[in-house]
């Protein structure tokens, strides 16, 4: 098996992981993340549930567009 076939996907995966790590490191400095209108936040006496639904949909759209642009080449 020729390992050169795996080199480009490995590099792209590594770059994506670096970008994801940087985004998670600085996520508290991104003002709109976690406060989008579609996020689910339930707070009761001894229980708090938070699911960033809108953020997940937005992230999915961004990733889909990036992957579509990469495959279009």
N, C-alpha and C. Protein backbone atom coordinates (compact mmCIF):
# COMPACT_ATOMS: atom_id res chain seq x y z
N UNK A 1 0.85 -1.19 0.00
CA UNK A 1 0.00 0.00 0.00
C UNK A 1 0.88 1.24 0.00
N UNK A 2 0.53 2.17 -0.82
CA UNK A 2 1.29 3.40 -0.93
C UNK A 2 0.81 4.39 0.13
N UNK A 3 1.68 4.81 1.01
CA UNK A 3 1.30 5.71 2.10
C UNK A 3 1.08 7.14 1.64
N UNK A 4 1.49 7.47 0.43
CA UNK A 4 1.25 8.83 -0.08
C UNK A 4 -0.23 9.10 -0.26
N UNK A 5 -1.02 8.06 -0.42
CA UNK A 5 -2.47 8.21 -0.55
C UNK A 5 -3.06 8.78 0.73
N UNK A 6 -2.50 8.40 1.86
CA UNK A 6 -3.02 8.84 3.15
C UNK A 6 -2.45 10.17 3.62
N UNK A 7 -1.45 10.69 2.94
CA UNK A 7 -0.79 11.89 3.44
C UNK A 7 -1.68 13.13 3.38
N UNK A 8 -2.38 13.36 2.28
CA UNK A 8 -3.22 14.56 2.16
C UNK A 8 -4.38 14.53 3.17
N UNK A 9 -5.14 13.42 3.29
CA UNK A 9 -6.20 13.40 4.31
C UNK A 9 -5.66 13.55 5.73
N UNK A 10 -4.47 13.01 5.99
CA UNK A 10 -3.89 13.14 7.33
C UNK A 10 -3.53 14.59 7.63
N UNK A 11 -3.00 15.28 6.64
CA UNK A 11 -2.65 16.70 6.83
C UNK A 11 -3.90 17.54 7.02
N UNK A 12 -4.93 17.30 6.22
CA UNK A 12 -6.18 18.05 6.35
C UNK A 12 -6.82 17.78 7.71
N UNK A 13 -6.81 16.53 8.15
CA UNK A 13 -7.36 16.18 9.46
C UNK A 13 -6.60 16.88 10.57
N UNK A 14 -5.28 16.90 10.46
CA UNK A 14 -4.46 17.57 11.46
C UNK A 14 -4.73 19.06 11.53
N UNK A 15 -4.86 19.70 10.38
CA UNK A 15 -5.16 21.14 10.35
C UNK A 15 -6.54 21.40 10.95
N UNK A 16 -7.51 20.55 10.62
CA UNK A 16 -8.86 20.71 11.20
C UNK A 16 -8.83 20.55 12.72
N UNK A 17 -8.06 19.60 13.22
CA UNK A 17 -7.96 19.41 14.66
C UNK A 17 -7.28 20.60 15.35
N UNK A 18 -6.29 21.18 14.70
CA UNK A 18 -5.64 22.37 15.26
C UNK A 18 -6.62 23.53 15.31
N UNK A 19 -7.38 23.73 14.26
CA UNK A 19 -8.38 24.81 14.24
C UNK A 19 -9.45 24.56 15.29
N UNK A 20 -9.91 23.32 15.41
CA UNK A 20 -10.91 22.99 16.42
C UNK A 20 -10.37 23.21 17.83
N UNK A 21 -9.13 22.82 18.07
CA UNK A 21 -8.52 23.03 19.38
C UNK A 21 -8.39 24.51 19.71
N UNK A 22 -7.99 25.31 18.73
CA UNK A 22 -7.88 26.76 18.95
C UNK A 22 -9.25 27.37 19.21
N UNK A 23 -10.26 26.91 18.47
CA UNK A 23 -11.61 27.43 18.67
C UNK A 23 -12.14 27.08 20.06
N UNK A 24 -11.85 25.86 20.53
CA UNK A 24 -12.30 25.48 21.86
C UNK A 24 -11.54 26.22 22.95
N UNK A 25 -10.27 26.51 22.70
CA UNK A 25 -9.47 27.25 23.68
C UNK A 25 -9.95 28.68 23.87
N UNK A 26 -10.40 29.28 22.77
CA UNK A 26 -10.82 30.68 22.81
C UNK A 26 -12.33 30.83 22.72
N UNK A 27 -13.08 29.76 22.97
CA UNK A 27 -14.54 29.81 22.83
C UNK A 27 -15.20 30.78 23.81
N UNK A 28 -14.58 31.00 24.97
CA UNK A 28 -15.18 31.94 25.92
C UNK A 28 -15.04 33.38 25.45
N UNK A 29 -14.16 33.63 24.50
CA UNK A 29 -13.97 34.98 23.98
C UNK A 29 -14.83 35.26 22.75
N UNK A 30 -15.52 34.24 22.23
CA UNK A 30 -16.43 34.42 21.11
C UNK A 30 -17.79 34.78 21.70
N UNK A 31 -18.26 36.02 21.51
CA UNK A 31 -19.43 36.49 22.25
C UNK A 31 -20.75 35.80 21.91
N UNK A 32 -20.98 35.42 20.66
CA UNK A 32 -22.28 34.86 20.29
C UNK A 32 -22.38 33.37 20.53
N UNK A 33 -21.27 32.68 20.73
CA UNK A 33 -21.29 31.24 20.88
C UNK A 33 -21.84 30.86 22.26
N UNK A 34 -22.87 30.05 22.28
CA UNK A 34 -23.49 29.63 23.52
C UNK A 34 -24.67 30.48 23.94
N UNK A 35 -24.95 31.52 23.19
CA UNK A 35 -26.09 32.38 23.51
C UNK A 35 -26.96 32.59 22.29
N UNK A 36 -27.01 31.61 21.42
CA UNK A 36 -27.83 31.71 20.22
C UNK A 36 -29.29 31.46 20.57
N UNK A 37 -30.21 32.00 19.78
CA UNK A 37 -31.64 31.88 20.10
C UNK A 37 -32.17 30.45 20.17
N UNK A 38 -31.59 29.50 19.45
CA UNK A 38 -32.11 28.14 19.45
C UNK A 38 -31.51 27.22 20.49
N UNK A 39 -30.61 27.73 21.32
CA UNK A 39 -29.98 26.90 22.35
C UNK A 39 -30.98 26.58 23.45
N UNK A 40 -30.92 25.36 23.94
CA UNK A 40 -31.85 24.91 24.98
C UNK A 40 -31.17 25.04 26.33
N UNK A 41 -31.82 25.76 27.23
CA UNK A 41 -31.27 25.96 28.57
C UNK A 41 -32.40 25.80 29.59
N UNK A 42 -32.31 24.75 30.40
CA UNK A 42 -33.33 24.47 31.42
C UNK A 42 -32.65 24.56 32.77
N UNK A 43 -33.18 25.40 33.63
CA UNK A 43 -32.60 25.58 34.96
C UNK A 43 -33.70 25.38 36.00
N UNK A 44 -33.47 24.43 36.90
CA UNK A 44 -34.40 24.19 38.01
C UNK A 44 -33.60 24.28 39.30
N UNK A 45 -34.19 23.89 40.40
CA UNK A 45 -33.55 24.03 41.71
C UNK A 45 -32.16 23.37 41.76
N UNK A 46 -32.11 22.07 41.58
CA UNK A 46 -30.86 21.33 41.69
C UNK A 46 -30.38 20.78 40.35
N UNK A 47 -30.90 21.32 39.28
CA UNK A 47 -30.63 20.73 37.96
C UNK A 47 -30.48 21.82 36.92
N UNK A 48 -29.44 21.70 36.13
CA UNK A 48 -29.24 22.61 35.00
C UNK A 48 -28.90 21.78 33.78
N UNK A 49 -29.64 22.03 32.70
CA UNK A 49 -29.40 21.32 31.44
C UNK A 49 -29.20 22.36 30.35
N UNK A 50 -28.12 22.19 29.60
CA UNK A 50 -27.83 23.11 28.52
C UNK A 50 -27.42 22.31 27.29
N UNK A 51 -28.10 22.55 26.18
CA UNK A 51 -27.74 21.92 24.91
C UNK A 51 -27.70 22.98 23.84
N UNK A 52 -26.52 23.23 23.28
CA UNK A 52 -26.39 24.29 22.26
C UNK A 52 -26.88 23.82 20.89
N UNK A 53 -28.18 23.68 20.74
CA UNK A 53 -28.77 23.16 19.51
C UNK A 53 -28.46 24.05 18.31
N UNK A 54 -28.67 25.34 18.44
CA UNK A 54 -28.42 26.26 17.33
C UNK A 54 -26.93 26.30 16.97
N UNK A 55 -26.08 26.24 17.98
CA UNK A 55 -24.64 26.23 17.72
C UNK A 55 -24.24 24.96 16.98
N UNK A 56 -24.85 23.83 17.32
CA UNK A 56 -24.55 22.57 16.62
C UNK A 56 -24.99 22.63 15.16
N UNK A 57 -26.17 23.20 14.91
CA UNK A 57 -26.65 23.33 13.54
C UNK A 57 -25.74 24.26 12.75
N UNK A 58 -25.37 25.39 13.35
CA UNK A 58 -24.48 26.34 12.68
C UNK A 58 -23.12 25.71 12.38
N UNK A 59 -22.57 24.98 13.33
CA UNK A 59 -21.29 24.31 13.13
C UNK A 59 -21.40 23.24 12.04
N UNK A 60 -22.50 22.52 12.00
CA UNK A 60 -22.71 21.51 10.98
C UNK A 60 -22.76 22.14 9.59
N UNK A 61 -23.42 23.27 9.47
CA UNK A 61 -23.51 23.96 8.18
C UNK A 61 -22.12 24.43 7.74
N UNK A 62 -21.36 25.00 8.66
CA UNK A 62 -20.02 25.49 8.33
C UNK A 62 -19.12 24.34 7.89
N UNK A 63 -19.14 23.25 8.62
CA UNK A 63 -18.31 22.10 8.27
C UNK A 63 -18.74 21.52 6.92
N UNK A 64 -20.04 21.45 6.66
CA UNK A 64 -20.54 20.93 5.39
C UNK A 64 -20.08 21.80 4.22
N UNK A 65 -20.13 23.11 4.38
CA UNK A 65 -19.69 24.02 3.32
C UNK A 65 -18.19 23.88 3.08
N UNK A 66 -17.41 23.80 4.15
CA UNK A 66 -15.96 23.64 3.99
C UNK A 66 -15.63 22.34 3.29
N UNK A 67 -16.25 21.25 3.69
CA UNK A 67 -16.00 19.96 3.04
C UNK A 67 -16.46 19.96 1.59
N UNK A 68 -17.57 20.63 1.29
CA UNK A 68 -18.05 20.73 -0.08
C UNK A 68 -17.05 21.51 -0.94
N UNK A 69 -16.48 22.59 -0.38
CA UNK A 69 -15.49 23.37 -1.11
C UNK A 69 -14.22 22.58 -1.35
N UNK A 70 -13.83 21.76 -0.37
CA UNK A 70 -12.63 20.94 -0.53
C UNK A 70 -12.86 19.87 -1.62
N UNK A 71 -14.01 19.25 -1.62
CA UNK A 71 -14.29 18.20 -2.60
C UNK A 71 -14.53 18.75 -3.99
N UNK A 72 -14.95 20.01 -4.08
CA UNK A 72 -15.26 20.61 -5.38
C UNK A 72 -14.00 20.76 -6.23
N UNK A 73 -12.86 20.90 -5.61
CA UNK A 73 -11.60 21.06 -6.35
C UNK A 73 -11.37 19.88 -7.17
